[in-house]
């Protein structure tokens, strides 16, 4: 069965850093990424990396967050620097399986809480 296991969340002060990790298992994936959801807000894409190496970032995190992957460990990382209070959210690991350009399956981790105090 597909399983995504996240780690690295926690409480940090503004300006600090955290490194999130997500280990995926069960099958191969075409892309992996991180989404977040803050109270009262919709889930939003934070960063994503495809199997071809293409990355996408939310405008709000560009220059501060970096997504990377380790294929030997089937793991994706999110290095978060210069954290701000508005980064506070539950961060969810996402993995995609592409059946066609318009048909894909998404798998999700349980989420890890990131809280940034100011």
N, C-alpha and C. Protein backbone atom coordinates (compact mmCIF):
# COMPACT_ATOMS: atom_id res chain seq x y z
N UNK A 1 0.85 -1.19 0.00
CA UNK A 1 0.00 0.00 0.00
C UNK A 1 0.88 1.24 0.00
N UNK A 2 0.38 2.29 -0.63
CA UNK A 2 1.10 3.55 -0.66
C UNK A 2 1.06 4.17 0.73
N UNK A 3 2.20 4.68 1.14
CA UNK A 3 2.29 5.34 2.43
C UNK A 3 3.24 6.52 2.33
N UNK A 4 2.84 7.64 2.88
CA UNK A 4 3.68 8.83 2.96
C UNK A 4 3.87 9.16 4.43
N UNK A 5 5.11 9.23 4.86
CA UNK A 5 5.43 9.49 6.25
C UNK A 5 6.20 10.79 6.34
N UNK A 6 5.64 11.76 7.04
CA UNK A 6 6.22 13.08 7.17
C UNK A 6 6.91 13.25 8.52
N UNK A 7 7.89 14.13 8.53
CA UNK A 7 8.56 14.47 9.77
C UNK A 7 9.20 15.84 9.63
N UNK A 8 9.54 16.44 10.75
CA UNK A 8 10.28 17.69 10.74
C UNK A 8 9.52 18.92 11.18
N UNK A 9 8.21 18.81 11.34
CA UNK A 9 7.45 19.95 11.78
C UNK A 9 7.76 20.31 13.23
N UNK A 10 7.32 21.49 13.62
CA UNK A 10 7.55 21.91 14.98
C UNK A 10 7.28 23.39 15.17
N UNK A 11 7.72 23.88 16.30
CA UNK A 11 7.55 25.28 16.67
C UNK A 11 8.88 25.99 16.57
N UNK A 12 8.90 27.08 15.82
CA UNK A 12 10.11 27.87 15.65
C UNK A 12 9.77 29.35 15.73
N UNK A 13 10.77 30.16 16.02
CA UNK A 13 10.60 31.59 16.03
C UNK A 13 10.74 32.15 14.62
N UNK A 14 10.11 33.29 14.39
CA UNK A 14 10.24 33.95 13.10
C UNK A 14 11.72 34.15 12.77
N UNK A 15 12.05 33.90 11.51
CA UNK A 15 13.43 34.00 11.07
C UNK A 15 14.18 32.69 11.14
N UNK A 16 13.60 31.71 11.79
CA UNK A 16 14.24 30.41 11.94
C UNK A 16 14.01 29.52 10.74
N UNK A 17 14.49 28.29 10.86
CA UNK A 17 14.42 27.33 9.77
C UNK A 17 13.90 25.98 10.25
N UNK A 18 13.28 25.27 9.33
CA UNK A 18 12.86 23.90 9.54
C UNK A 18 13.09 23.13 8.26
N UNK A 19 13.31 21.83 8.39
CA UNK A 19 13.46 20.97 7.23
C UNK A 19 12.46 19.83 7.35
N UNK A 20 11.48 19.82 6.46
CA UNK A 20 10.49 18.76 6.43
C UNK A 20 10.95 17.63 5.54
N UNK A 21 10.61 16.42 5.93
CA UNK A 21 10.94 15.24 5.14
C UNK A 21 9.69 14.42 4.91
N UNK A 22 9.62 13.78 3.76
CA UNK A 22 8.51 12.89 3.45
C UNK A 22 9.06 11.68 2.73
N UNK A 23 8.86 10.52 3.33
CA UNK A 23 9.30 9.26 2.74
C UNK A 23 8.09 8.57 2.15
N UNK A 24 8.15 8.30 0.86
CA UNK A 24 7.06 7.64 0.16
C UNK A 24 7.42 6.19 -0.12
N UNK A 25 6.42 5.34 -0.08
CA UNK A 25 6.63 3.93 -0.35
C UNK A 25 5.40 3.34 -1.00
N UNK A 26 5.56 2.17 -1.58
CA UNK A 26 4.43 1.46 -2.16
C UNK A 26 4.40 1.43 -3.67
N UNK A 27 4.98 2.44 -4.31
CA UNK A 27 5.03 2.51 -5.77
C UNK A 27 5.89 3.68 -6.20
N UNK A 28 6.06 3.83 -7.49
CA UNK A 28 6.78 4.98 -8.02
C UNK A 28 5.81 6.12 -8.26
N UNK A 29 6.35 7.34 -8.25
CA UNK A 29 5.54 8.53 -8.38
C UNK A 29 6.10 9.44 -9.47
N UNK A 30 5.22 10.22 -10.07
CA UNK A 30 5.61 11.14 -11.12
C UNK A 30 5.98 12.52 -10.59
N UNK A 31 5.49 12.85 -9.42
CA UNK A 31 5.81 14.12 -8.80
C UNK A 31 5.52 14.03 -7.32
N UNK A 32 6.18 14.87 -6.56
CA UNK A 32 5.90 14.98 -5.13
C UNK A 32 5.97 16.45 -4.76
N UNK A 33 5.29 16.78 -3.69
CA UNK A 33 5.31 18.17 -3.27
C UNK A 33 4.76 18.36 -1.88
N UNK A 34 4.67 19.62 -1.52
CA UNK A 34 4.16 20.01 -0.22
C UNK A 34 3.04 21.01 -0.39
N UNK A 35 1.97 20.80 0.33
CA UNK A 35 0.86 21.72 0.42
C UNK A 35 0.68 22.12 1.87
N UNK A 36 0.00 23.23 2.10
CA UNK A 36 -0.27 23.63 3.47
C UNK A 36 -1.67 24.20 3.58
N UNK A 37 -2.21 24.12 4.77
CA UNK A 37 -3.51 24.67 5.05
C UNK A 37 -3.49 25.34 6.41
N UNK A 38 -3.76 26.63 6.40
CA UNK A 38 -3.85 27.40 7.62
C UNK A 38 -5.32 27.51 8.03
N UNK A 39 -5.58 27.76 9.30
CA UNK A 39 -6.97 27.89 9.76
C UNK A 39 -7.74 28.93 8.96
N UNK A 40 -8.91 28.56 8.49
CA UNK A 40 -9.75 29.48 7.74
C UNK A 40 -9.34 29.71 6.31
N UNK A 41 -8.34 29.00 5.83
CA UNK A 41 -7.86 29.17 4.47
C UNK A 41 -7.92 27.85 3.72
N UNK A 42 -7.94 27.94 2.40
CA UNK A 42 -7.91 26.75 1.57
C UNK A 42 -6.51 26.18 1.50
N UNK A 43 -6.44 24.90 1.22
CA UNK A 43 -5.16 24.26 1.01
C UNK A 43 -4.47 24.88 -0.20
N UNK A 44 -3.19 25.14 -0.09
CA UNK A 44 -2.46 25.75 -1.18
C UNK A 44 -1.16 25.01 -1.43
N UNK A 45 -0.74 25.05 -2.68
CA UNK A 45 0.54 24.48 -3.06
C UNK A 45 1.66 25.34 -2.48
N UNK A 46 2.62 24.68 -1.86
CA UNK A 46 3.81 25.36 -1.37
C UNK A 46 4.96 25.15 -2.35
N UNK A 47 5.24 23.91 -2.66
CA UNK A 47 6.32 23.58 -3.59
C UNK A 47 6.07 22.19 -4.15
N UNK A 48 6.56 21.98 -5.35
CA UNK A 48 6.34 20.71 -6.04
C UNK A 48 7.51 20.43 -6.95
N UNK A 49 7.87 19.16 -7.08
CA UNK A 49 8.94 18.77 -7.98
C UNK A 49 8.50 17.54 -8.75
N UNK A 50 8.65 17.58 -10.06
CA UNK A 50 8.25 16.47 -10.91
C UNK A 50 9.43 15.52 -11.09
N UNK A 51 9.12 14.35 -11.63
CA UNK A 51 10.18 13.38 -11.90
C UNK A 51 11.19 13.91 -12.91
N UNK A 52 10.78 14.87 -13.72
CA UNK A 52 11.69 15.49 -14.67
C UNK A 52 12.51 16.62 -14.09
N UNK A 53 12.28 16.95 -12.83
CA UNK A 53 13.06 17.97 -12.17
C UNK A 53 12.46 19.36 -12.18
N UNK A 54 11.29 19.51 -12.79
CA UNK A 54 10.64 20.81 -12.80
C UNK A 54 10.09 21.14 -11.43
N UNK A 55 10.35 22.34 -10.95
CA UNK A 55 9.87 22.77 -9.64
C UNK A 55 8.88 23.90 -9.77
N UNK A 56 7.98 23.96 -8.83
CA UNK A 56 7.01 25.04 -8.73
C UNK A 56 6.95 25.49 -7.28
N UNK A 57 6.85 26.80 -7.09
CA UNK A 57 6.76 27.36 -5.75
C UNK A 57 5.64 28.37 -5.69
N UNK A 58 5.00 28.44 -4.55
CA UNK A 58 4.09 29.55 -4.30
C UNK A 58 4.89 30.84 -4.25
N UNK A 59 4.30 31.91 -4.76
CA UNK A 59 5.00 33.19 -4.76
C UNK A 59 5.44 33.60 -3.35
N UNK A 60 4.65 33.25 -2.37
CA UNK A 60 4.93 33.66 -1.01
C UNK A 60 6.16 32.99 -0.40
N UNK A 61 6.63 31.91 -1.01
CA UNK A 61 7.78 31.20 -0.44
C UNK A 61 9.00 31.22 -1.33
N UNK A 62 8.89 31.78 -2.51
CA UNK A 62 10.02 31.84 -3.42
C UNK A 62 11.19 32.58 -2.78
N UNK A 63 12.36 31.99 -2.89
CA UNK A 63 13.54 32.58 -2.31
C UNK A 63 13.77 32.19 -0.87
N UNK A 64 12.79 31.59 -0.24
CA UNK A 64 12.91 31.18 1.16
C UNK A 64 12.87 29.66 1.34
N UNK A 65 12.05 28.99 0.53
CA UNK A 65 11.89 27.54 0.63
C UNK A 65 12.54 26.87 -0.57
N UNK A 66 13.06 25.68 -0.35
CA UNK A 66 13.64 24.89 -1.42
C UNK A 66 13.16 23.45 -1.32
N UNK A 67 12.64 22.93 -2.41
CA UNK A 67 12.22 21.54 -2.45
C UNK A 67 13.30 20.72 -3.15
N UNK A 68 13.54 19.54 -2.66
CA UNK A 68 14.52 18.66 -3.25
C UNK A 68 14.10 17.22 -3.02
N UNK A 69 14.70 16.32 -3.76
CA UNK A 69 14.37 14.92 -3.62
C UNK A 69 15.59 14.04 -3.63
N UNK A 70 15.43 12.86 -3.07
CA UNK A 70 16.48 11.86 -3.05
C UNK A 70 15.86 10.57 -3.55
N UNK A 71 16.12 10.24 -4.81
CA UNK A 71 15.50 9.07 -5.41
C UNK A 71 15.94 7.76 -4.77
N UNK A 72 17.17 7.73 -4.27
CA UNK A 72 17.66 6.50 -3.64
C UNK A 72 16.90 6.19 -2.37
N UNK A 73 16.33 7.22 -1.74
CA UNK A 73 15.57 7.03 -0.51
C UNK A 73 14.08 7.27 -0.71
N UNK A 74 13.67 7.59 -1.96
CA UNK A 74 12.28 7.88 -2.28
C UNK A 74 11.71 8.92 -1.31
N UNK A 75 12.46 9.98 -1.16
CA UNK A 75 12.16 10.99 -0.17
C UNK A 75 12.19 12.39 -0.79
N UNK A 76 11.30 13.24 -0.33
CA UNK A 76 11.30 14.63 -0.73
C UNK A 76 11.48 15.49 0.51
N UNK A 77 12.20 16.59 0.36
CA UNK A 77 12.49 17.48 1.46
C UNK A 77 11.97 18.87 1.15
N UNK A 78 11.66 19.60 2.19
CA UNK A 78 11.34 21.01 2.06
C UNK A 78 12.16 21.78 3.08
N UNK A 79 13.17 22.48 2.59
CA UNK A 79 13.98 23.32 3.45
C UNK A 79 13.31 24.68 3.54
N UNK A 80 12.94 25.08 4.74
CA UNK A 80 12.22 26.32 4.96
C UNK A 80 13.10 27.25 5.77
N UNK A 81 13.47 28.36 5.17
CA UNK A 81 14.30 29.36 5.82
C UNK A 81 13.53 30.66 5.96
N UNK A 82 14.03 31.53 6.81
CA UNK A 82 13.42 32.84 7.02
C UNK A 82 11.92 32.73 7.27
N UNK A 83 11.56 31.83 8.15
CA UNK A 83 10.15 31.56 8.40
C UNK A 83 9.44 32.77 8.98
N UNK A 84 8.20 32.92 8.58
CA UNK A 84 7.35 34.01 9.03
C UNK A 84 6.12 33.46 9.71
N UNK A 85 5.47 34.29 10.50
CA UNK A 85 4.27 33.85 11.19
C UNK A 85 3.21 33.36 10.22
N UNK A 86 3.13 33.97 9.05
CA UNK A 86 2.14 33.57 8.07
C UNK A 86 2.43 32.22 7.43
N UNK A 87 3.59 31.63 7.72
CA UNK A 87 3.88 30.29 7.26
C UNK A 87 3.25 29.22 8.15
N UNK A 88 2.70 29.64 9.27
CA UNK A 88 2.07 28.71 10.19
C UNK A 88 0.92 27.98 9.50
N UNK A 89 0.96 26.66 9.52
CA UNK A 89 -0.05 25.85 8.85
C UNK A 89 0.26 24.39 9.10
N UNK A 90 -0.68 23.55 8.72
CA UNK A 90 -0.41 22.12 8.63
C UNK A 90 0.14 21.86 7.24
N UNK A 91 1.29 21.24 7.18
CA UNK A 91 1.94 20.95 5.91
C UNK A 91 1.73 19.49 5.55
N UNK A 92 1.23 19.26 4.34
CA UNK A 92 0.93 17.92 3.87
C UNK A 92 1.84 17.52 2.73
N UNK A 93 2.40 16.35 2.83
CA UNK A 93 3.16 15.79 1.72
C UNK A 93 2.19 15.21 0.70
N UNK A 94 2.51 15.43 -0.56
CA UNK A 94 1.68 14.95 -1.66
C UNK A 94 2.53 14.18 -2.65
N UNK A 95 1.99 13.11 -3.17
CA UNK A 95 2.64 12.35 -4.23
C UNK A 95 1.64 12.09 -5.33
N UNK A 96 2.09 12.22 -6.56
CA UNK A 96 1.22 12.11 -7.72
C UNK A 96 1.59 10.90 -8.58
N UNK A 97 0.56 10.25 -9.10
CA UNK A 97 0.70 9.23 -10.13
C UNK A 97 -0.08 9.72 -11.33
N UNK A 98 0.60 9.85 -12.45
CA UNK A 98 -0.03 10.36 -13.66
C UNK A 98 -0.46 9.22 -14.58
N UNK A 99 -1.76 9.11 -14.84
CA UNK A 99 -2.28 8.14 -15.80
C UNK A 99 -2.44 8.78 -17.17
N UNK A 100 -2.67 10.07 -17.21
CA UNK A 100 -2.72 10.88 -18.41
C UNK A 100 -2.54 12.32 -17.98
N UNK A 101 -2.47 13.24 -18.96
CA UNK A 101 -2.27 14.63 -18.63
C UNK A 101 -3.43 15.19 -17.83
N UNK A 102 -4.59 14.61 -17.98
CA UNK A 102 -5.79 15.10 -17.30
C UNK A 102 -6.32 14.13 -16.25
N UNK A 103 -5.60 13.08 -15.98
CA UNK A 103 -6.05 12.08 -15.01
C UNK A 103 -4.88 11.69 -14.12
N UNK A 104 -4.96 12.05 -12.89
CA UNK A 104 -3.91 11.71 -11.95
C UNK A 104 -4.49 11.31 -10.60
N UNK A 105 -3.70 10.58 -9.86
CA UNK A 105 -4.07 10.14 -8.52
C UNK A 105 -3.14 10.81 -7.52
N UNK A 106 -3.72 11.35 -6.49
CA UNK A 106 -2.96 12.02 -5.45
C UNK A 106 -2.98 11.21 -4.16
N UNK A 107 -1.83 11.09 -3.55
CA UNK A 107 -1.70 10.46 -2.25
C UNK A 107 -1.21 11.51 -1.26
N UNK A 108 -1.65 11.38 -0.02
CA UNK A 108 -1.38 12.41 0.98
C UNK A 108 -0.85 11.82 2.27
N UNK A 109 0.04 12.57 2.89
CA UNK A 109 0.47 12.24 4.23
C UNK A 109 -0.52 12.76 5.25
N UNK A 110 -0.28 12.44 6.50
CA UNK A 110 -1.18 12.87 7.56
C UNK A 110 -1.08 14.36 7.87
N UNK A 111 0.02 14.96 7.52
CA UNK A 111 0.25 16.36 7.81
C UNK A 111 1.13 16.54 9.03
N UNK A 112 1.91 17.59 9.01
CA UNK A 112 2.75 17.93 10.14
C UNK A 112 2.60 19.42 10.43
N UNK A 113 2.42 19.75 11.69
CA UNK A 113 2.17 21.13 12.09
C UNK A 113 3.46 21.93 12.10
N UNK A 114 3.42 23.08 11.45
CA UNK A 114 4.50 24.05 11.51
C UNK A 114 3.94 25.31 12.13
N UNK A 115 4.51 25.72 13.23
CA UNK A 115 4.07 26.92 13.92
C UNK A 115 5.24 27.88 14.05
N UNK A 116 5.05 29.08 13.55
CA UNK A 116 6.09 30.11 13.59
C UNK A 116 5.60 31.22 14.50
N UNK A 117 6.32 31.47 15.56
CA UNK A 117 5.94 32.50 16.51
C UNK A 117 6.70 33.78 16.22
N UNK A 118 6.04 34.89 16.43
CA UNK A 118 6.64 36.20 16.22
C UNK A 118 6.71 37.02 17.49
